[in-house]
C-alpha atoms as a PDB file:
ATOM      1  CA  MET A   1      18.121 131.617-123.634  1.00  0.00           C
ATOM      2  CA  ALA A   2      17.305 131.729-126.990  1.00  0.00           C
ATOM      3  CA  LYS A   3      15.155 128.943-128.537  1.00  0.00           C
ATOM      4  CA  LYS A   4      16.926 127.394-131.011  1.00  0.00           C
ATOM      5  CA  LEU A   5      16.179 125.071-134.487  1.00  0.00           C
ATOM      6  CA  VAL A   6      18.277 123.021-136.597  1.00  0.00           C
ATOM      7  CA  ALA A   7      16.968 122.755-140.043  1.00  0.00           C
ATOM      8  CA  TYR A   8      18.946 120.879-142.693  1.00  0.00           C
ATOM      9  CA  PHE A   9      18.420 119.247-146.167  1.00  0.00           C
ATOM     10  CA  SER A  10      20.529 116.069-146.495  1.00  0.00           C
ATOM     11  CA  ALA A  11      20.074 113.931-149.652  1.00  0.00           C
ATOM     12  CA  SER A  12      22.292 111.410-148.737  1.00  0.00           C
ATOM     13  CA  GLY A  13      21.801 110.914-144.873  1.00  0.00           C
ATOM     14  CA  THR A  14      25.320 112.705-144.023  1.00  0.00           C
ATOM     15  CA  THR A  15      23.845 115.931-143.405  1.00  0.00           C
ATOM     16  CA  LYS A  16      21.070 114.366-141.365  1.00  0.00           C
ATOM     17  CA  LYS A  17      23.276 112.852-138.648  1.00  0.00           C
ATOM     18  CA  THR A  18      25.286 115.934-138.440  1.00  0.00           C
ATOM     19  CA  ALA A  19      22.272 118.044-137.655  1.00  0.00           C
ATOM     20  CA  GLU A  20      21.118 115.451-135.271  1.00  0.00           C
ATOM     21  CA  LEU A  21      23.995 115.405-133.382  1.00  0.00           C
ATOM     22  CA  LEU A  22      24.354 119.297-133.419  1.00  0.00           C
ATOM     23  CA  ALA A  23      20.361 119.889-132.284  1.00  0.00           C
ATOM     24  CA  GLU A  24      21.445 117.323-129.640  1.00  0.00           C
ATOM     25  CA  ALA A  25      24.519 119.193-128.646  1.00  0.00           C
ATOM     26  CA  ALA A  26      22.714 122.908-128.957  1.00  0.00           C
ATOM     27  CA  GLY A  27      19.717 122.005-126.934  1.00  0.00           C
ATOM     28  CA  ALA A  28      17.534 122.736-130.159  1.00  0.00           C
ATOM     29  CA  ASP A  29      14.711 121.594-132.235  1.00  0.00           C
ATOM     30  CA  LEU A  30      15.141 119.441-135.125  1.00  0.00           C
ATOM     31  CA  TYR A  31      13.544 120.427-138.662  1.00  0.00           C
ATOM     32  CA  GLU A  32      14.293 118.409-141.850  1.00  0.00           C
ATOM     33  CA  ILE A  33      13.838 120.408-145.274  1.00  0.00           C
ATOM     34  CA  THR A  34      12.279 117.616-147.203  1.00  0.00           C
ATOM     35  CA  PRO A  35      12.087 117.616-151.070  1.00  0.00           C
ATOM     36  CA  LYS A  36       8.754 116.757-152.795  1.00  0.00           C
ATOM     37  CA  VAL A  37      10.644 114.049-154.867  1.00  0.00           C
ATOM     38  CA  ALA A  38      13.568 112.476-153.109  1.00  0.00           C
ATOM     39  CA  TYR A  39      16.648 112.390-154.565  1.00  0.00           C
ATOM     40  CA  THR A  40      17.740 109.283-155.949  1.00  0.00           C
ATOM     41  CA  LYS A  41      21.823 108.123-156.284  1.00  0.00           C
ATOM     42  CA  ALA A  42      21.742 109.157-159.810  1.00  0.00           C
ATOM     43  CA  ASP A  43      20.068 112.304-159.375  1.00  0.00           C
ATOM     44  CA  LEU A  44      23.317 113.363-157.164  1.00  0.00           C
ATOM     45  CA  ASN A  45      25.596 112.167-159.903  1.00  0.00           C
ATOM     46  CA  TRP A  46      27.805 115.670-160.079  1.00  0.00           C
ATOM     47  CA  MET A  47      29.936 114.089-163.088  1.00  0.00           C
ATOM     48  CA  ASP A  48      26.710 113.827-165.393  1.00  0.00           C
ATOM     49  CA  LYS A  49      25.515 117.124-166.580  1.00  0.00           C
ATOM     50  CA  LYS A  50      22.208 115.653-167.123  1.00  0.00           C
ATOM     51  CA  SER A  51      21.510 114.819-163.741  1.00  0.00           C
ATOM     52  CA  ARG A  52      18.800 116.700-161.362  1.00  0.00           C
ATOM     53  CA  SER A  53      21.483 117.983-159.180  1.00  0.00           C
ATOM     54  CA  SER A  54      23.769 119.115-161.551  1.00  0.00           C
ATOM     55  CA  VAL A  55      21.045 120.852-163.760  1.00  0.00           C
ATOM     56  CA  GLU A  56      19.295 122.313-160.506  1.00  0.00           C
ATOM     57  CA  MET A  57      22.872 123.953-160.025  1.00  0.00           C
ATOM     58  CA  ASN A  58      23.646 125.371-163.449  1.00  0.00           C
ATOM     59  CA  ASP A  59      20.067 127.313-163.106  1.00  0.00           C
ATOM     60  CA  LYS A  60      20.512 129.393-159.958  1.00  0.00           C
ATOM     61  CA  LYS A  61      16.690 130.577-160.288  1.00  0.00           C
ATOM     62  CA  PHE A  62      15.633 126.820-160.026  1.00  0.00           C
ATOM     63  CA  ARG A  63      13.635 125.788-156.887  1.00  0.00           C
ATOM     64  CA  PRO A  64      13.066 122.432-156.238  1.00  0.00           C
ATOM     65  CA  GLU A  65       9.783 121.925-154.564  1.00  0.00           C
ATOM     66  CA  ILE A  66       9.640 120.575-150.512  1.00  0.00           C
ATOM     67  CA  GLU A  67       6.703 118.744-148.508  1.00  0.00           C
ATOM     68  CA  ASP A  68       4.487 121.113-147.225  1.00  0.00           C
ATOM     69  CA  LYS A  69       5.382 121.506-143.423  1.00  0.00           C
ATOM     70  CA  ASP A  70       5.136 124.431-141.021  1.00  0.00           C
ATOM     71  CA  ALA A  71       8.447 124.905-139.888  1.00  0.00           C
ATOM     72  CA  ASN A  72       7.361 127.443-137.270  1.00  0.00           C
ATOM     73  CA  ILE A  73      10.092 129.983-137.601  1.00  0.00           C
ATOM     74  CA  ALA A  74       8.557 132.699-135.794  1.00  0.00           C
ATOM     75  CA  GLU A  75       9.045 130.290-132.562  1.00  0.00           C
ATOM     76  CA  TYR A  76      12.578 130.640-132.776  1.00  0.00           C
ATOM     77  CA  ASP A  77      15.201 133.164-132.015  1.00  0.00           C
ATOM     78  CA  GLU A  78      17.942 131.766-133.819  1.00  0.00           C
ATOM     79  CA  ILE A  79      18.014 129.111-137.083  1.00  0.00           C
ATOM     80  CA  ILE A  80      20.957 126.702-137.603  1.00  0.00           C
ATOM     81  CA  LEU A  81      20.795 125.921-141.188  1.00  0.00           C
ATOM     82  CA  GLY A  82      22.689 122.864-142.600  1.00  0.00           C
ATOM     83  CA  PHE A  83      23.273 121.118-146.073  1.00  0.00           C
ATOM     84  CA  PRO A  84      25.758 119.402-148.019  1.00  0.00           C
ATOM     85  CA  ILE A  85      28.217 121.815-150.275  1.00  0.00           C
ATOM     86  CA  TRP A  86      27.202 121.636-153.762  1.00  0.00           C
ATOM     87  CA  TRP A  87      29.189 123.161-156.244  1.00  0.00           C
ATOM     88  CA  TYR A  88      31.045 125.674-154.030  1.00  0.00           C
ATOM     89  CA  VAL A  89      27.396 126.367-152.189  1.00  0.00           C
ATOM     90  CA  ALA A  90      24.251 125.103-150.817  1.00  0.00           C
ATOM     91  CA  PRO A  91      21.922 123.352-153.113  1.00  0.00           C
ATOM     92  CA  THR A  92      18.882 125.608-154.243  1.00  0.00           C
ATOM     93  CA  ILE A  93      16.439 123.481-152.194  1.00  0.00           C
ATOM     94  CA  VAL A  94      17.861 125.745-149.259  1.00  0.00           C
ATOM     95  CA  ASN A  95      16.887 128.905-151.137  1.00  0.00           C
ATOM     96  CA  THR A  96      13.247 127.322-151.716  1.00  0.00           C
ATOM     97  CA  PHE A  97      13.117 126.905-147.650  1.00  0.00           C
ATOM     98  CA  LEU A  98      14.228 130.232-147.080  1.00  0.00           C
ATOM     99  CA  GLU A  99      11.619 131.776-149.779  1.00  0.00           C
ATOM    100  CA  LYS A 100       9.241 129.419-147.960  1.00  0.00           C
ATOM    101  CA  PHE A 101       8.762 130.990-144.571  1.00  0.00           C
ATOM    102  CA  ASP A 102       9.234 134.374-143.024  1.00  0.00           C
ATOM    103  CA  PHE A 103      12.935 135.075-141.609  1.00  0.00           C
ATOM    104  CA  SER A 104      12.737 138.591-141.182  1.00  0.00           C
ATOM    105  CA  GLY A 105      14.667 139.870-138.114  1.00  0.00           C
ATOM    106  CA  LYS A 106      15.965 136.490-137.421  1.00  0.00           C
ATOM    107  CA  LYS A 107      19.598 135.277-137.504  1.00  0.00           C
ATOM    108  CA  VAL A 108      20.612 132.158-139.583  1.00  0.00           C
ATOM    109  CA  VAL A 109      23.511 130.292-139.129  1.00  0.00           C
ATOM    110  CA  LEU A 110      25.105 128.088-141.523  1.00  0.00           C
ATOM    111  CA  PHE A 111      26.523 124.608-141.083  1.00  0.00           C
ATOM    112  CA  ALA A 112      27.469 122.257-143.796  1.00  0.00           C
ATOM    113  CA  THR A 113      28.851 118.920-144.513  1.00  0.00           C
ATOM    114  CA  SER A 114      31.713 118.789-147.455  1.00  0.00           C
ATOM    115  CA  GLY A 115      33.907 116.522-148.924  1.00  0.00           C
ATOM    116  CA  GLY A 116      36.660 119.232-149.388  1.00  0.00           C
ATOM    117  CA  SER A 117      35.215 122.421-150.583  1.00  0.00           C
ATOM    118  CA  GLY A 118      34.161 125.492-148.179  1.00  0.00           C
ATOM    119  CA  PHE A 119      31.497 127.914-148.415  1.00  0.00           C
ATOM    120  CA  GLY A 120      32.501 129.830-151.273  1.00  0.00           C
ATOM    121  CA  ASN A 121      29.549 132.405-151.952  1.00  0.00           C
ATOM    122  CA  THR A 122      26.955 130.723-150.267  1.00  0.00           C
ATOM    123  CA  VAL A 123      25.763 133.570-148.203  1.00  0.00           C
ATOM    124  CA  LYS A 124      25.991 135.643-150.925  1.00  0.00           C
ATOM    125  CA  GLU A 125      23.566 133.574-153.083  1.00  0.00           C
ATOM    126  CA  LEU A 126      21.201 132.689-150.080  1.00  0.00           C
ATOM    127  CA  GLN A 127      20.665 136.100-148.821  1.00  0.00           C
ATOM    128  CA  PRO A 128      18.070 137.480-151.673  1.00  0.00           C
ATOM    129  CA  SER A 129      16.354 134.465-150.519  1.00  0.00           C
ATOM    130  CA  ALA A 130      15.805 135.539-147.050  1.00  0.00           C
ATOM    131  CA  PRO A 131      16.414 139.780-147.420  1.00  0.00           C
ATOM    132  CA  ASN A 132      15.480 141.042-143.873  1.00  0.00           C
ATOM    133  CA  THR A 133      17.445 138.152-142.387  1.00  0.00           C
ATOM    134  CA  GLU A 134      21.153 138.118-141.001  1.00  0.00           C
ATOM    135  CA  ILE A 135      22.826 135.158-142.546  1.00  0.00           C
ATOM    136  CA  VAL A 136      26.203 134.254-140.969  1.00  0.00           C
ATOM    137  CA  GLU A 137      28.700 132.045-142.546  1.00  0.00           C
ATOM    138  CA  GLY A 138      28.871 129.107-139.913  1.00  0.00           C
ATOM    139  CA  LYS A 139      31.417 126.040-139.865  1.00  0.00           C
ATOM    140  CA  ILE A 140      31.746 122.911-141.967  1.00  0.00           C
ATOM    141  CA  LEU A 141      31.175 119.827-140.017  1.00  0.00           C
ATOM    142  CA  ASN A 142      32.659 116.716-140.344  1.00  0.00           C
ATOM    143  CA  SER A 143      33.694 115.363-137.159  1.00  0.00           C
ATOM    144  CA  LYS A 144      32.089 115.088-133.780  1.00  0.00           C
ATOM    145  CA  SER A 145      34.425 117.366-131.822  1.00  0.00           C
ATOM    146  CA  GLU A 146      33.877 119.584-134.714  1.00  0.00           C
ATOM    147  CA  ILE A 147      29.489 119.720-134.021  1.00  0.00           C
ATOM    148  CA  GLU A 148      30.048 119.649-130.145  1.00  0.00           C
ATOM    149  CA  LYS A 149      32.670 122.619-130.273  1.00  0.00           C
ATOM    150  CA  PHE A 150      30.315 124.467-132.680  1.00  0.00           C
ATOM    151  CA  ALA A 151      27.158 123.937-130.744  1.00  0.00           C
ATOM    152  CA  LYS A 152      28.889 125.546-127.727  1.00  0.00           C
ATOM    153  CA  SER A 153      29.721 128.819-129.818  1.00  0.00           C
ATOM    154  CA  LEU A 154      25.783 129.055-130.681  1.00  0.00           C
END
């Protein structure tokens, strides 16, 4: 049986809850991508062009710092990577995570939480951060039944 890791970034707690349910349903370990500086409510105000999240997402080269903890990627066969959708793609902190560790030869299956938008160009924008990795668009997960169904498909 393949050893799985659910790695996730959650700014407001929604993706964290989804990741915890998914890890339990999939029999996977859990890893939180923690920003070095936590996001505040004001940082996440997408209607404010000067908010932290807006500034980061407007510069695709921007890489928010993450806490320095080892995800032990080498121990896992498959990584299930989750995040909220920001501006139709993954937040740039997900690129930081992919660039920090060696995912060579691994399969990374994406999941996301979203208020309405899909993955957009997420795979295309993440692939350069993990060039020797198979990144697969997974599912938008917004309910417990979707999470359980997705876990069974892994």
